[in-house]
Amino acid sequence: MELIPVIDLMGGAVVHARRGARDAYRPIETPLSASAAPPDVADGLLALGAFRTLYIADLDAIAGRGGHDAELQALAVRHPGLTLWVDAGEASPEALARRVAQGPGRPVIGSESLADLAEAEAALASGAGLLSLDYGPEGPRGPESLHDNAALWPEAVIVMTLARVGAGQGPDLDRLAAIRARAEGRRVYAAGGVRDVDDLHRLAELGVAGVLLASALHDGRLSRADIAAFMG
């Protein structure tokens, strides 16, 4: 099971994500970094283990307020062996193709950024990106038929339970199990709620391909030894 650290970008800084309430996000304070600057926080996270992938949510781009491609390009240069998964709210085939061709990073297509099923089908048709099935407190975000119809999903699917991000409530095991049962061999990644190594064991037993992590890394509930055991 792959462990994937996460950074959320807003206003040029890494912010502390909690429950998907983005208006309340503030620059992160973490023992892993002396500042909330993206290169400093990324360096601190990557020093914890031999991570192969870094997930980046560009919250300004998702909200249509510009984005952080310059910062992402700097991270790509700084860590040339690292794969970047980037959710920048891109939904059009043209925008997705541009990121695939030019970078930085591999696009993540968030269901919350898709207006309807036709837009979802167009975005996913090229197979260029990963799909993030986004769930807020109100339930599925984006076209419900996309959440229901596994035939539309690409080979890698992130289950993003936004209400559990930074909340320390544990991952949504029931939802993950239900989606894995319908995924027909696709790789399913868990996002939101991981508290400690026991949660990692539960997710591994469930058969998820990987898990996105933030709070448990910053507050030390996942130690270097815990990380090394799973990375090994």
Protein backbone atom coordinates (compact mmCIF):
# COMPACT_ATOMS: atom_id res chain seq x y z
CA MET A 1 0.00 0.00 0.00
CA GLU A 2 1.47 3.30 -1.09
CA LEU A 3 1.63 6.23 1.34
CA ILE A 4 1.17 9.62 -0.34
CA PRO A 5 1.72 12.90 1.53
CA VAL A 6 -0.57 15.81 0.71
CA ILE A 7 -0.13 19.56 0.54
CA ASP A 8 -2.98 22.04 0.06
CA LEU A 9 -2.00 25.33 -1.55
CA MET A 10 -3.78 28.65 -1.10
CA GLY A 11 -2.41 32.16 -1.52
CA GLY A 12 1.10 30.93 -2.14
CA ALA A 13 1.28 28.96 1.12
CA VAL A 14 0.56 25.46 2.34
CA VAL A 15 -2.61 25.60 4.43
CA HIS A 16 -4.03 23.33 7.13
CA ALA A 17 -7.02 21.56 5.59
CA ARG A 18 -9.84 20.60 7.93
CA ARG A 19 -13.25 19.14 7.04
CA GLY A 20 -13.26 20.79 3.61
CA ALA A 21 -14.15 24.20 5.12
CA ARG A 22 -11.78 26.05 2.78
CA ASP A 23 -12.76 29.58 3.84
CA ALA A 24 -11.35 28.78 7.27
CA TYR A 25 -8.02 27.33 6.09
CA ARG A 26 -4.93 29.11 7.40
CA PRO A 27 -1.18 28.69 6.68
CA ILE A 28 0.03 25.49 8.26
CA GLU A 29 2.09 25.41 11.43
CA THR A 30 4.04 22.17 11.58
CA PRO A 31 7.14 20.86 13.33
CA LEU A 32 8.25 19.52 9.96
CA SER A 33 8.93 22.97 8.54
CA ALA A 34 10.05 26.41 9.66
CA SER A 35 7.50 28.05 7.37
CA ALA A 36 4.37 27.40 5.33
CA ALA A 37 6.25 27.92 2.06
CA PRO A 38 5.59 25.00 -0.34
CA PRO A 39 9.26 23.94 -0.75
CA ASP A 40 9.84 23.97 3.02
CA VAL A 41 6.74 21.91 3.83
CA ALA A 42 7.38 19.50 0.97
CA ASP A 43 10.97 19.01 2.15
CA GLY A 44 9.75 18.28 5.67
CA LEU A 45 7.20 15.74 4.52
CA LEU A 46 9.55 14.00 2.12
CA ALA A 47 12.20 13.69 4.84
CA LEU A 48 9.87 11.33 6.72
CA GLY A 49 10.12 8.49 4.22
CA ALA A 50 10.91 7.36 0.70
CA PHE A 51 7.65 8.61 -0.76
CA ARG A 52 7.23 8.20 -4.52
CA THR A 53 4.23 10.51 -4.98
CA LEU A 54 3.10 13.88 -3.62
CA TYR A 55 -0.56 14.91 -3.92
CA ILE A 56 -1.18 18.63 -4.33
CA ALA A 57 -4.57 20.33 -4.08
CA ASP A 58 -4.30 23.76 -5.70
CA LEU A 59 -7.26 25.30 -3.90
CA ASP A 60 -7.00 28.67 -5.63
CA ALA A 61 -7.09 27.00 -9.04
CA ILE A 62 -10.04 24.83 -7.98
CA ALA A 63 -11.88 28.01 -6.94
CA GLY A 64 -11.02 29.77 -10.21
CA ARG A 65 -8.66 32.29 -8.57
CA GLY A 66 -5.50 31.50 -10.53
CA GLY A 67 -3.13 28.81 -9.43
CA HIS A 68 0.30 27.70 -8.31
CA ASP A 69 1.89 26.13 -11.37
CA ALA A 70 5.09 28.12 -10.81
CA GLU A 71 5.38 26.68 -7.29
CA LEU A 72 4.58 23.20 -8.62
CA GLN A 73 7.23 23.49 -11.30
CA ALA A 74 9.75 24.52 -8.66
CA LEU A 75 8.84 21.42 -6.63
CA ALA A 76 9.24 19.23 -9.71
CA VAL A 77 12.72 20.64 -10.28
CA ARG A 78 13.63 20.36 -6.60
CA HIS A 79 12.51 16.70 -6.41
CA PRO A 80 13.02 15.29 -9.92
CA GLY A 81 12.24 11.68 -9.00
CA LEU A 82 8.91 12.54 -7.38
CA THR A 83 5.56 12.05 -9.10
CA LEU A 84 3.13 14.92 -8.55
CA TRP A 85 -0.63 14.35 -8.57
CA VAL A 86 -2.27 17.74 -9.07
CA ASP A 87 -5.91 18.66 -8.51
CA ALA A 88 -6.19 22.12 -10.03
CA GLY A 89 -9.91 21.95 -10.82
CA GLU A 90 -9.21 21.10 -14.46
CA ALA A 91 -12.18 19.56 -16.25
CA SER A 92 -11.92 20.39 -19.95
CA PRO A 93 -10.12 17.95 -22.26
CA GLU A 94 -7.92 20.84 -23.44
CA ALA A 95 -6.76 21.78 -19.93
CA LEU A 96 -6.13 18.15 -19.02
CA ALA A 97 -4.20 17.51 -22.22
CA ARG A 98 -2.10 20.61 -21.58
CA ARG A 99 -1.12 19.41 -18.10
CA VAL A 100 -0.31 15.93 -19.40
CA ALA A 101 1.88 17.40 -22.13
CA GLN A 102 3.49 20.28 -20.24
CA GLY A 103 3.05 19.53 -16.54
CA PRO A 104 3.72 20.17 -13.84
CA GLY A 105 2.28 16.92 -12.54
CA ARG A 106 -0.36 14.41 -13.51
CA PRO A 107 -3.92 15.77 -13.38
CA VAL A 108 -6.46 14.69 -10.82
CA ILE A 109 -10.03 15.15 -12.03
CA GLY A 110 -12.14 16.06 -9.00
CA SER A 111 -15.81 15.16 -9.26
CA GLU A 112 -16.67 18.41 -7.45
CA SER A 113 -15.25 20.32 -10.45
CA LEU A 114 -17.51 18.54 -12.97
CA ALA A 115 -20.78 20.24 -13.83
CA ASP A 116 -22.61 17.26 -15.30
CA LEU A 117 -22.19 13.77 -16.69
CA ALA A 118 -21.35 14.98 -20.21
CA GLU A 119 -18.44 17.05 -18.84
CA ALA A 120 -17.31 14.08 -16.76
CA GLU A 121 -17.34 11.74 -19.74
CA ALA A 122 -15.39 14.24 -21.85
CA ALA A 123 -12.81 14.77 -19.12
CA LEU A 124 -12.31 11.06 -18.53
CA ALA A 125 -12.40 9.97 -22.17
CA SER A 126 -8.69 10.53 -22.77
CA GLY A 127 -7.63 8.52 -19.74
CA ALA A 128 -5.19 11.31 -18.94
CA GLY A 129 -5.87 11.69 -15.26
CA LEU A 130 -6.89 10.08 -12.03
CA LEU A 131 -10.45 10.50 -10.78
CA SER A 132 -11.20 11.85 -7.34
CA LEU A 133 -14.68 10.90 -6.15
CA ASP A 134 -15.36 13.78 -3.76
CA TYR A 135 -17.76 13.48 -0.82
CA GLY A 136 -18.80 16.38 1.39
CA PRO A 137 -21.00 16.27 4.50
CA GLU A 138 -23.97 16.48 2.16
CA GLY A 139 -22.91 13.43 0.16
CA PRO A 140 -21.42 12.98 -3.31
CA ARG A 141 -20.14 16.09 -5.05
CA GLY A 142 -20.46 16.36 -8.81
CA PRO A 143 -22.61 14.15 -11.05
CA GLU A 144 -24.15 11.38 -8.95
CA SER A 145 -24.17 9.06 -11.96
CA LEU A 146 -20.37 9.33 -12.05
CA HIS A 147 -20.20 8.08 -8.47
CA ASP A 148 -22.62 5.26 -9.25
CA ASN A 149 -21.26 3.99 -12.56
CA ALA A 150 -17.86 2.34 -12.18
CA ALA A 151 -17.65 1.79 -15.94
CA LEU A 152 -16.85 5.51 -16.25
CA TRP A 153 -13.92 5.38 -13.83
CA PRO A 154 -10.27 5.33 -14.96
CA GLU A 155 -7.72 2.82 -13.66
CA ALA A 156 -7.02 4.85 -10.52
CA VAL A 157 -9.71 6.33 -8.26
CA ILE A 158 -9.29 8.44 -5.13
CA VAL A 159 -12.11 8.34 -2.59
CA MET A 160 -11.94 11.82 -1.03
CA THR A 161 -14.05 12.12 2.14
CA LEU A 162 -13.70 15.86 2.70
CA ALA A 163 -15.62 15.93 5.99
CA ARG A 164 -12.95 13.69 7.54
CA VAL A 165 -9.92 15.60 6.26
CA GLY A 166 -7.98 16.85 9.27
CA ALA A 167 -10.78 15.76 11.61
CA GLY A 168 -9.12 12.74 13.22
CA GLN A 169 -12.25 10.61 12.86
CA GLY A 170 -10.71 7.71 11.00
CA PRO A 171 -11.15 6.79 7.34
CA ASP A 172 -14.57 6.04 5.88
CA LEU A 173 -14.11 2.28 5.74
CA ASP A 174 -17.69 1.49 4.75
CA ARG A 175 -17.61 3.79 1.73
CA LEU A 176 -14.18 2.55 0.71
CA ALA A 177 -15.31 -1.07 0.94
CA ALA A 178 -18.40 -0.35 -1.15
CA ILE A 179 -16.40 1.43 -3.83
CA ARG A 180 -13.74 -1.28 -3.92
CA ALA A 181 -16.46 -3.87 -4.38
CA ARG A 182 -17.63 -2.04 -7.52
CA ALA A 183 -14.22 -0.96 -8.81
CA GLU A 184 -13.61 -4.08 -10.92
CA GLY A 185 -9.88 -4.21 -10.29
CA ARG A 186 -9.22 -0.49 -10.46
CA ARG A 187 -6.77 0.94 -7.93
CA VAL A 188 -8.63 2.68 -5.11
CA TYR A 189 -6.90 5.27 -2.92
CA ALA A 190 -8.23 6.49 0.43
CA ALA A 191 -8.18 10.16 1.41
CA GLY A 192 -9.38 11.68 4.65
CA GLY A 193 -9.40 10.72 8.29
CA VAL A 194 -6.28 8.59 8.86
CA ARG A 195 -5.23 8.92 12.50
CA ASP A 196 -2.47 6.41 13.16
CA VAL A 197 -0.81 3.16 12.16
CA ASP A 198 -3.87 1.13 13.17
CA ASP A 199 -5.88 2.95 10.50
CA LEU A 200 -3.18 2.10 7.96
CA HIS A 201 -3.48 -1.57 8.86
CA ARG A 202 -7.27 -1.41 8.46
CA LEU A 203 -6.91 0.15 5.03
CA ALA A 204 -4.30 -2.40 3.98
CA GLU A 205 -6.64 -5.21 5.05
CA LEU A 206 -9.38 -3.58 2.99
CA GLY A 207 -7.14 -3.79 -0.06
CA VAL A 208 -6.77 -0.14 -0.99
CA ALA A 209 -3.83 0.65 -3.27
CA GLY A 210 -2.72 3.68 -1.31
CA VAL A 211 -3.65 6.36 1.16
CA LEU A 212 -3.30 10.15 1.13
CA LEU A 213 -1.88 11.57 4.38
CA ALA A 214 -1.41 14.97 5.96
CA SER A 215 -2.40 15.61 9.59
CA ALA A 216 -1.05 12.30 10.92
CA LEU A 217 2.34 13.15 9.39
CA HIS A 218 2.46 16.70 10.72
CA ASP A 219 1.46 15.84 14.28
CA GLY A 220 3.71 12.79 14.51
CA ARG A 221 1.04 10.15 15.01
CA LEU A 222 2.69 8.29 12.15
CA SER A 223 6.36 7.83 12.98
CA ARG A 224 9.25 7.30 10.61
CA ALA A 225 9.26 3.68 11.72
CA ASP A 226 5.55 3.30 10.91
CA ILE A 227 6.11 4.83 7.50
CA ALA A 228 9.16 2.69 6.78
CA ALA A 229 7.26 -0.48 7.67
CA PHE A 230 4.60 0.26 5.05
CA MET A 231 6.99 1.67 2.47
CA GLY A 232 9.07 -1.51 2.78
